[in-house]
């Protein structure tokens, strides 16, 4: 699944997948200094169980790495993923 980097205005950003005007998946954050505050993740119920949320988080983590940023989990999915997967240790606050 492809995701589009989107500027939401101000210091808010997202990776999204929309088709025919319907949001299928997104992860959003607010940039505070050099920290991405990860505040929302959504995956359409029809796509759940297909690792779409993890793929979104992987894209966001790659963005953090490329831009020398850290990530602070607020969204429950990101909190859980940070606890479960060691691959994000380098971007944790």
C-alpha atoms as a PDB file:
ATOM      1  CA  UNK A   1       0.000   0.000   0.000  1.00  0.00           C
ATOM      2  CA  UNK A   2       1.305   3.438  -0.914  1.00  0.00           C
ATOM      3  CA  UNK A   3       1.199   6.383   1.467  1.00  0.00           C
ATOM      4  CA  UNK A   4       1.355  10.088   0.675  1.00  0.00           C
ATOM      5  CA  UNK A   5       3.197  12.541   2.904  1.00  0.00           C
ATOM      6  CA  UNK A   6       0.763  15.368   3.669  1.00  0.00           C
ATOM      7  CA  UNK A   7       1.208  18.733   5.360  1.00  0.00           C
ATOM      8  CA  UNK A   8      -1.938  19.345   7.383  1.00  0.00           C
ATOM      9  CA  UNK A   9      -1.169  22.952   8.235  1.00  0.00           C
ATOM     10  CA  UNK A  10       0.863  24.552  10.971  1.00  0.00           C
ATOM     11  CA  UNK A  11       3.129  21.922  12.492  1.00  0.00           C
ATOM     12  CA  UNK A  12       0.857  18.952  11.697  1.00  0.00           C
ATOM     13  CA  UNK A  13       1.778  16.231   9.198  1.00  0.00           C
ATOM     14  CA  UNK A  14       0.585  12.817   8.085  1.00  0.00           C
ATOM     15  CA  UNK A  15       1.143   9.805   5.926  1.00  0.00           C
ATOM     16  CA  UNK A  16      -2.136   8.839   4.277  1.00  0.00           C
ATOM     17  CA  UNK A  17      -3.788   6.518   1.833  1.00  0.00           C
ATOM     18  CA  UNK A  18      -7.008   7.854   0.379  1.00  0.00           C
ATOM     19  CA  UNK A  19      -8.944   6.287  -2.459  1.00  0.00           C
ATOM     20  CA  UNK A  20     -11.948   7.884  -4.127  1.00  0.00           C
ATOM     21  CA  UNK A  21     -12.190  10.427  -1.326  1.00  0.00           C
ATOM     22  CA  UNK A  22     -12.246   7.758   1.400  1.00  0.00           C
ATOM     23  CA  UNK A  23      -9.543   7.675   4.064  1.00  0.00           C
ATOM     24  CA  UNK A  24      -8.216   4.117   4.240  1.00  0.00           C
ATOM     25  CA  UNK A  25      -5.204   4.657   6.484  1.00  0.00           C
ATOM     26  CA  UNK A  26      -3.327   7.492   8.143  1.00  0.00           C
ATOM     27  CA  UNK A  27      -0.845   8.323  10.845  1.00  0.00           C
ATOM     28  CA  UNK A  28      -0.548  11.905  12.058  1.00  0.00           C
ATOM     29  CA  UNK A  29       1.834  13.903  14.195  1.00  0.00           C
ATOM     30  CA  UNK A  30       2.583  17.388  15.387  1.00  0.00           C
ATOM     31  CA  UNK A  31       6.152  18.581  15.139  1.00  0.00           C
ATOM     32  CA  UNK A  32       7.367  20.240  18.348  1.00  0.00           C
ATOM     33  CA  UNK A  33      10.947  21.313  17.832  1.00  0.00           C
ATOM     34  CA  UNK A  34      12.767  18.136  16.831  1.00  0.00           C
ATOM     35  CA  UNK A  35      10.094  15.778  18.213  1.00  0.00           C
ATOM     36  CA  UNK A  36       7.271  14.196  16.252  1.00  0.00           C
ATOM     37  CA  UNK A  37       4.370  13.833  18.705  1.00  0.00           C
ATOM     38  CA  UNK A  38       2.562  10.814  17.262  1.00  0.00           C
ATOM     39  CA  UNK A  39      -1.073  11.529  18.024  1.00  0.00           C
ATOM     40  CA  UNK A  40      -3.260   9.418  15.735  1.00  0.00           C
ATOM     41  CA  UNK A  41      -3.275   6.240  13.684  1.00  0.00           C
ATOM     42  CA  UNK A  42      -6.246   4.945  11.703  1.00  0.00           C
ATOM     43  CA  UNK A  43      -6.754   1.922   9.480  1.00  0.00           C
ATOM     44  CA  UNK A  44     -10.066   1.181   7.786  1.00  0.00           C
ATOM     45  CA  UNK A  45     -11.664  -1.893   9.397  1.00  0.00           C
ATOM     46  CA  UNK A  46     -11.512  -3.762   6.078  1.00  0.00           C
ATOM     47  CA  UNK A  47      -7.700  -3.474   6.084  1.00  0.00           C
ATOM     48  CA  UNK A  48      -7.038  -4.393   9.702  1.00  0.00           C
ATOM     49  CA  UNK A  49      -4.843  -7.410  10.346  1.00  0.00           C
ATOM     50  CA  UNK A  50      -2.712  -6.684   7.269  1.00  0.00           C
ATOM     51  CA  UNK A  51       0.106  -4.757   9.036  1.00  0.00           C
ATOM     52  CA  UNK A  52      -1.050  -1.461   7.524  1.00  0.00           C
ATOM     53  CA  UNK A  53      -0.650   0.442  10.813  1.00  0.00           C
ATOM     54  CA  UNK A  54       2.888  -0.870  11.226  1.00  0.00           C
ATOM     55  CA  UNK A  55       3.697   0.123   7.663  1.00  0.00           C
ATOM     56  CA  UNK A  56       2.433   3.646   8.404  1.00  0.00           C
ATOM     57  CA  UNK A  57       4.594   3.781  11.521  1.00  0.00           C
ATOM     58  CA  UNK A  58       7.579   2.513   9.532  1.00  0.00           C
ATOM     59  CA  UNK A  59       7.126   5.384   7.067  1.00  0.00           C
ATOM     60  CA  UNK A  60       6.917   7.903   9.910  1.00  0.00           C
ATOM     61  CA  UNK A  61      10.005   6.413  11.592  1.00  0.00           C
ATOM     62  CA  UNK A  62      11.938   6.625   8.316  1.00  0.00           C
ATOM     63  CA  UNK A  63      10.883  10.280   8.043  1.00  0.00           C
ATOM     64  CA  UNK A  64      12.160  10.855  11.583  1.00  0.00           C
ATOM     65  CA  UNK A  65      15.490   9.216  10.770  1.00  0.00           C
ATOM     66  CA  UNK A  66      15.927  11.163   7.519  1.00  0.00           C
ATOM     67  CA  UNK A  67      15.241  14.443   9.306  1.00  0.00           C
ATOM     68  CA  UNK A  68      17.120  13.755  12.563  1.00  0.00           C
ATOM     69  CA  UNK A  69      13.914  13.803  14.603  1.00  0.00           C
ATOM     70  CA  UNK A  70      12.685  11.806  17.576  1.00  0.00           C
ATOM     71  CA  UNK A  71       9.198  10.402  18.109  1.00  0.00           C
ATOM     72  CA  UNK A  72       7.007  10.667  21.201  1.00  0.00           C
ATOM     73  CA  UNK A  73       4.113   8.201  21.248  1.00  0.00           C
ATOM     74  CA  UNK A  74       0.728   9.523  22.333  1.00  0.00           C
ATOM     75  CA  UNK A  75      -1.545   7.398  20.148  1.00  0.00           C
ATOM     76  CA  UNK A  76      -2.242   4.021  21.754  1.00  0.00           C
ATOM     77  CA  UNK A  77      -1.081   2.101  18.664  1.00  0.00           C
ATOM     78  CA  UNK A  78       2.298   3.859  18.632  1.00  0.00           C
ATOM     79  CA  UNK A  79       2.723   3.377  22.398  1.00  0.00           C
ATOM     80  CA  UNK A  80       2.126  -0.365  21.964  1.00  0.00           C
ATOM     81  CA  UNK A  81       4.368  -0.645  18.894  1.00  0.00           C
ATOM     82  CA  UNK A  82       7.207   1.143  20.696  1.00  0.00           C
ATOM     83  CA  UNK A  83       6.915  -1.357  23.551  1.00  0.00           C
ATOM     84  CA  UNK A  84       6.698  -4.368  21.227  1.00  0.00           C
ATOM     85  CA  UNK A  85       9.311  -3.607  18.551  1.00  0.00           C
ATOM     86  CA  UNK A  86      12.946  -2.730  19.262  1.00  0.00           C
ATOM     87  CA  UNK A  87      13.427  -1.409  15.704  1.00  0.00           C
ATOM     88  CA  UNK A  88      12.110   1.993  16.835  1.00  0.00           C
ATOM     89  CA  UNK A  89      14.527   2.413  19.749  1.00  0.00           C
ATOM     90  CA  UNK A  90      16.675   4.851  17.751  1.00  0.00           C
ATOM     91  CA  UNK A  91      13.786   7.308  17.247  1.00  0.00           C
ATOM     92  CA  UNK A  92      12.273   7.183  20.725  1.00  0.00           C
ATOM     93  CA  UNK A  93      12.457  10.325  22.849  1.00  0.00           C
END
